[in-house]
């Protein structure tokens, strides 16, 4: 995976990972979100430090814009906004 700044975590937001509810966001991180139809390629997910999933009740997954918004809102809420 290309250049990642020092002390920066690469976080895949994709189905099958640890729940976002329990996830502790790092101070410095890059979030990767996959395409809505195929998600992130497995080789990309394998190079990430963490795989995080967003729980859902009525749908299998969220579209990429909603998933990104939820992840950023969660980050802001947990880090004191």
N, C-alpha and C. Protein backbone atom coordinates (compact mmCIF):
# COMPACT_ATOMS: atom_id res chain seq x y z
N UNK A 1 0.87 -1.17 0.00
CA UNK A 1 0.00 0.00 0.00
C UNK A 1 0.90 1.21 0.00
N UNK A 2 0.61 2.19 -0.79
CA UNK A 2 1.44 3.37 -0.96
C UNK A 2 1.93 3.98 0.34
N UNK A 3 2.30 5.19 0.29
CA UNK A 3 2.88 5.91 1.43
C UNK A 3 1.84 6.13 2.52
N UNK A 4 2.17 5.74 3.75
CA UNK A 4 1.33 6.00 4.92
C UNK A 4 2.18 6.81 5.89
N UNK A 5 1.68 7.99 6.32
CA UNK A 5 2.46 8.82 7.24
C UNK A 5 2.82 8.08 8.53
N UNK A 6 3.90 8.51 9.17
CA UNK A 6 4.40 7.93 10.41
C UNK A 6 3.29 7.87 11.46
N UNK A 7 3.23 6.78 12.18
CA UNK A 7 2.31 6.58 13.30
C UNK A 7 0.84 6.73 12.89
N UNK A 8 0.54 6.37 11.66
CA UNK A 8 -0.82 6.48 11.14
C UNK A 8 -1.36 5.08 10.90
N UNK A 9 -2.55 4.80 11.39
CA UNK A 9 -3.20 3.51 11.23
C UNK A 9 -4.08 3.52 9.99
N UNK A 10 -4.10 2.43 9.26
CA UNK A 10 -4.99 2.29 8.10
C UNK A 10 -6.14 1.40 8.53
N UNK A 11 -7.36 1.94 8.45
CA UNK A 11 -8.55 1.26 8.94
C UNK A 11 -9.50 0.99 7.78
N UNK A 12 -9.81 -0.27 7.55
CA UNK A 12 -10.78 -0.65 6.53
C UNK A 12 -12.17 -0.64 7.16
N UNK A 13 -13.10 0.06 6.54
CA UNK A 13 -14.50 0.05 6.96
C UNK A 13 -15.21 -0.89 6.00
N UNK A 14 -15.52 -2.09 6.47
CA UNK A 14 -16.01 -3.15 5.58
C UNK A 14 -16.76 -4.18 6.41
N UNK A 15 -17.68 -4.89 5.80
CA UNK A 15 -18.41 -5.94 6.50
C UNK A 15 -17.43 -7.03 6.97
N UNK A 16 -17.73 -7.60 8.13
CA UNK A 16 -16.94 -8.71 8.63
C UNK A 16 -15.88 -8.34 9.64
N UNK A 17 -15.82 -7.08 10.04
CA UNK A 17 -14.80 -6.66 10.99
C UNK A 17 -15.34 -6.48 12.39
N UNK A 18 -14.50 -5.94 13.25
CA UNK A 18 -14.90 -5.61 14.62
C UNK A 18 -15.95 -4.51 14.58
N UNK A 19 -16.85 -4.52 15.53
CA UNK A 19 -17.94 -3.55 15.55
C UNK A 19 -17.44 -2.13 15.79
N UNK A 20 -17.96 -1.19 15.04
CA UNK A 20 -17.64 0.23 15.23
C UNK A 20 -18.06 0.68 16.62
N UNK A 21 -19.09 0.07 17.17
CA UNK A 21 -19.58 0.43 18.50
C UNK A 21 -18.46 0.34 19.54
N UNK A 22 -17.63 -0.67 19.44
CA UNK A 22 -16.56 -0.91 20.42
C UNK A 22 -15.20 -0.39 19.97
N UNK A 23 -15.12 0.16 18.78
CA UNK A 23 -13.84 0.57 18.22
C UNK A 23 -13.33 1.86 18.85
N UNK A 24 -12.05 1.87 19.21
CA UNK A 24 -11.40 3.08 19.72
C UNK A 24 -10.58 3.67 18.59
N UNK A 25 -10.97 4.84 18.14
CA UNK A 25 -10.29 5.49 17.02
C UNK A 25 -8.91 5.99 17.46
N UNK A 26 -7.94 5.78 16.60
CA UNK A 26 -6.59 6.29 16.86
C UNK A 26 -6.54 7.78 16.51
N UNK A 27 -5.58 8.46 17.09
CA UNK A 27 -5.46 9.90 16.82
C UNK A 27 -5.16 10.15 15.34
N UNK A 28 -4.31 9.34 14.76
CA UNK A 28 -3.93 9.50 13.34
C UNK A 28 -4.33 8.23 12.59
N UNK A 29 -5.27 8.36 11.66
CA UNK A 29 -5.64 7.19 10.88
C UNK A 29 -6.22 7.59 9.52
N UNK A 30 -6.16 6.64 8.64
CA UNK A 30 -6.73 6.76 7.29
C UNK A 30 -7.83 5.72 7.22
N UNK A 31 -9.02 6.13 6.82
CA UNK A 31 -10.15 5.22 6.68
C UNK A 31 -10.32 4.87 5.21
N UNK A 32 -10.40 3.59 4.91
CA UNK A 32 -10.64 3.13 3.53
C UNK A 32 -12.03 2.52 3.46
N UNK A 33 -12.81 2.98 2.50
CA UNK A 33 -14.15 2.45 2.29
C UNK A 33 -14.23 1.92 0.86
N UNK A 34 -14.80 0.75 0.71
CA UNK A 34 -14.86 0.12 -0.59
C UNK A 34 -16.05 0.55 -1.42
N UNK A 35 -16.06 0.12 -2.65
CA UNK A 35 -17.17 0.38 -3.55
C UNK A 35 -18.42 -0.33 -3.02
N UNK A 36 -19.57 0.24 -3.31
CA UNK A 36 -20.82 -0.29 -2.77
C UNK A 36 -21.15 -1.68 -3.29
N UNK A 37 -20.70 -2.02 -4.49
CA UNK A 37 -21.06 -3.33 -5.03
C UNK A 37 -20.08 -4.44 -4.66
N UNK A 38 -18.78 -4.14 -4.58
CA UNK A 38 -17.78 -5.19 -4.33
C UNK A 38 -16.98 -5.00 -3.04
N UNK A 39 -17.09 -3.86 -2.41
CA UNK A 39 -16.31 -3.60 -1.21
C UNK A 39 -14.84 -3.40 -1.53
N UNK A 40 -14.01 -3.52 -0.52
CA UNK A 40 -12.56 -3.39 -0.69
C UNK A 40 -11.98 -4.72 -1.16
N UNK A 41 -11.00 -4.69 -2.04
CA UNK A 41 -10.34 -5.93 -2.43
C UNK A 41 -9.69 -6.59 -1.21
N UNK A 42 -9.73 -7.91 -1.15
CA UNK A 42 -9.18 -8.66 -0.01
C UNK A 42 -7.71 -8.35 0.22
N UNK A 43 -6.93 -8.14 -0.84
CA UNK A 43 -5.51 -7.84 -0.64
C UNK A 43 -5.32 -6.49 0.03
N UNK A 44 -6.21 -5.54 -0.24
CA UNK A 44 -6.15 -4.23 0.41
C UNK A 44 -6.52 -4.37 1.89
N UNK A 45 -7.61 -5.09 2.17
CA UNK A 45 -8.03 -5.31 3.55
C UNK A 45 -6.91 -5.98 4.34
N UNK A 46 -6.24 -6.92 3.72
CA UNK A 46 -5.15 -7.63 4.38
C UNK A 46 -3.97 -6.75 4.76
N UNK A 47 -3.83 -5.62 4.12
CA UNK A 47 -2.73 -4.70 4.42
C UNK A 47 -3.12 -3.63 5.44
N UNK A 48 -4.39 -3.58 5.81
CA UNK A 48 -4.86 -2.60 6.79
C UNK A 48 -4.52 -3.06 8.20
N UNK A 49 -4.37 -2.11 9.10
CA UNK A 49 -4.10 -2.43 10.49
C UNK A 49 -5.34 -3.01 11.18
N UNK A 50 -6.52 -2.52 10.78
CA UNK A 50 -7.76 -2.89 11.45
C UNK A 50 -8.89 -2.99 10.43
N UNK A 51 -9.82 -3.91 10.69
CA UNK A 51 -11.04 -4.04 9.89
C UNK A 51 -12.21 -3.75 10.83
N UNK A 52 -13.01 -2.75 10.48
CA UNK A 52 -14.13 -2.31 11.32
C UNK A 52 -15.41 -2.38 10.51
N UNK A 53 -16.48 -2.87 11.15
CA UNK A 53 -17.80 -2.94 10.51
C UNK A 53 -18.79 -2.04 11.23
N UNK A 54 -19.74 -1.54 10.49
CA UNK A 54 -20.80 -0.70 11.05
C UNK A 54 -22.05 -1.57 11.20
N UNK A 55 -22.52 -1.77 12.43
CA UNK A 55 -23.69 -2.62 12.61
C UNK A 55 -24.92 -2.04 11.93
N UNK A 56 -25.79 -2.92 11.48
CA UNK A 56 -27.00 -2.51 10.78
C UNK A 56 -28.13 -3.48 11.13
N UNK A 57 -29.32 -2.96 11.29
CA UNK A 57 -30.46 -3.80 11.64
C UNK A 57 -31.24 -4.23 10.40
N UNK A 58 -31.47 -3.30 9.48
CA UNK A 58 -32.38 -3.57 8.36
C UNK A 58 -31.72 -3.81 7.02
N UNK A 59 -30.45 -3.59 6.91
CA UNK A 59 -29.79 -3.75 5.63
C UNK A 59 -28.45 -4.45 5.83
N UNK A 60 -27.97 -5.12 4.83
CA UNK A 60 -26.70 -5.83 4.95
C UNK A 60 -25.53 -4.85 5.07
N UNK A 61 -25.62 -3.74 4.35
CA UNK A 61 -24.55 -2.75 4.39
C UNK A 61 -25.10 -1.37 4.05
N UNK A 62 -24.27 -0.36 4.25
CA UNK A 62 -24.63 1.03 3.93
C UNK A 62 -23.94 1.44 2.63
N UNK A 63 -24.49 2.47 1.98
CA UNK A 63 -23.75 2.98 0.83
C UNK A 63 -22.52 3.70 1.35
N UNK A 64 -21.56 3.93 0.48
CA UNK A 64 -20.25 4.43 0.91
C UNK A 64 -20.33 5.81 1.56
N UNK A 65 -21.20 6.68 1.10
CA UNK A 65 -21.34 8.02 1.69
C UNK A 65 -21.89 7.93 3.11
N UNK A 66 -22.88 7.10 3.32
CA UNK A 66 -23.46 6.92 4.65
C UNK A 66 -22.44 6.26 5.57
N UNK A 67 -21.76 5.23 5.11
CA UNK A 67 -20.75 4.55 5.92
C UNK A 67 -19.65 5.51 6.37
N UNK A 68 -19.18 6.33 5.45
CA UNK A 68 -18.14 7.32 5.80
C UNK A 68 -18.65 8.33 6.81
N UNK A 69 -19.87 8.78 6.63
CA UNK A 69 -20.46 9.75 7.56
C UNK A 69 -20.62 9.14 8.95
N UNK A 70 -21.09 7.90 9.02
CA UNK A 70 -21.25 7.24 10.31
C UNK A 70 -19.91 7.04 11.01
N UNK A 71 -18.90 6.65 10.26
CA UNK A 71 -17.58 6.45 10.86
C UNK A 71 -17.01 7.77 11.39
N UNK A 72 -17.16 8.84 10.63
CA UNK A 72 -16.64 10.13 11.08
C UNK A 72 -17.44 10.68 12.26
N UNK A 73 -18.75 10.47 12.27
CA UNK A 73 -19.56 10.89 13.40
C UNK A 73 -19.15 10.12 14.66
N UNK A 74 -18.95 8.81 14.53
CA UNK A 74 -18.52 7.99 15.64
C UNK A 74 -17.19 8.46 16.19
N UNK A 75 -16.27 8.78 15.30
CA UNK A 75 -14.96 9.29 15.70
C UNK A 75 -15.09 10.58 16.50
N UNK A 76 -15.91 11.50 15.97
CA UNK A 76 -16.10 12.79 16.63
C UNK A 76 -16.77 12.61 18.00
N UNK A 77 -17.80 11.77 18.06
CA UNK A 77 -18.53 11.56 19.31
C UNK A 77 -17.64 10.94 20.39
N UNK A 78 -16.81 9.98 20.01
CA UNK A 78 -15.96 9.29 20.99
C UNK A 78 -14.75 10.13 21.41
N UNK A 79 -14.33 11.04 20.54
CA UNK A 79 -13.15 11.86 20.86
C UNK A 79 -13.52 13.23 21.39
N UNK A 80 -14.75 13.41 21.80
CA UNK A 80 -15.16 14.66 22.43
C UNK A 80 -15.48 15.79 21.48
N UNK A 81 -15.75 15.46 20.22
CA UNK A 81 -16.27 16.37 19.22
C UNK A 81 -15.46 17.52 18.87
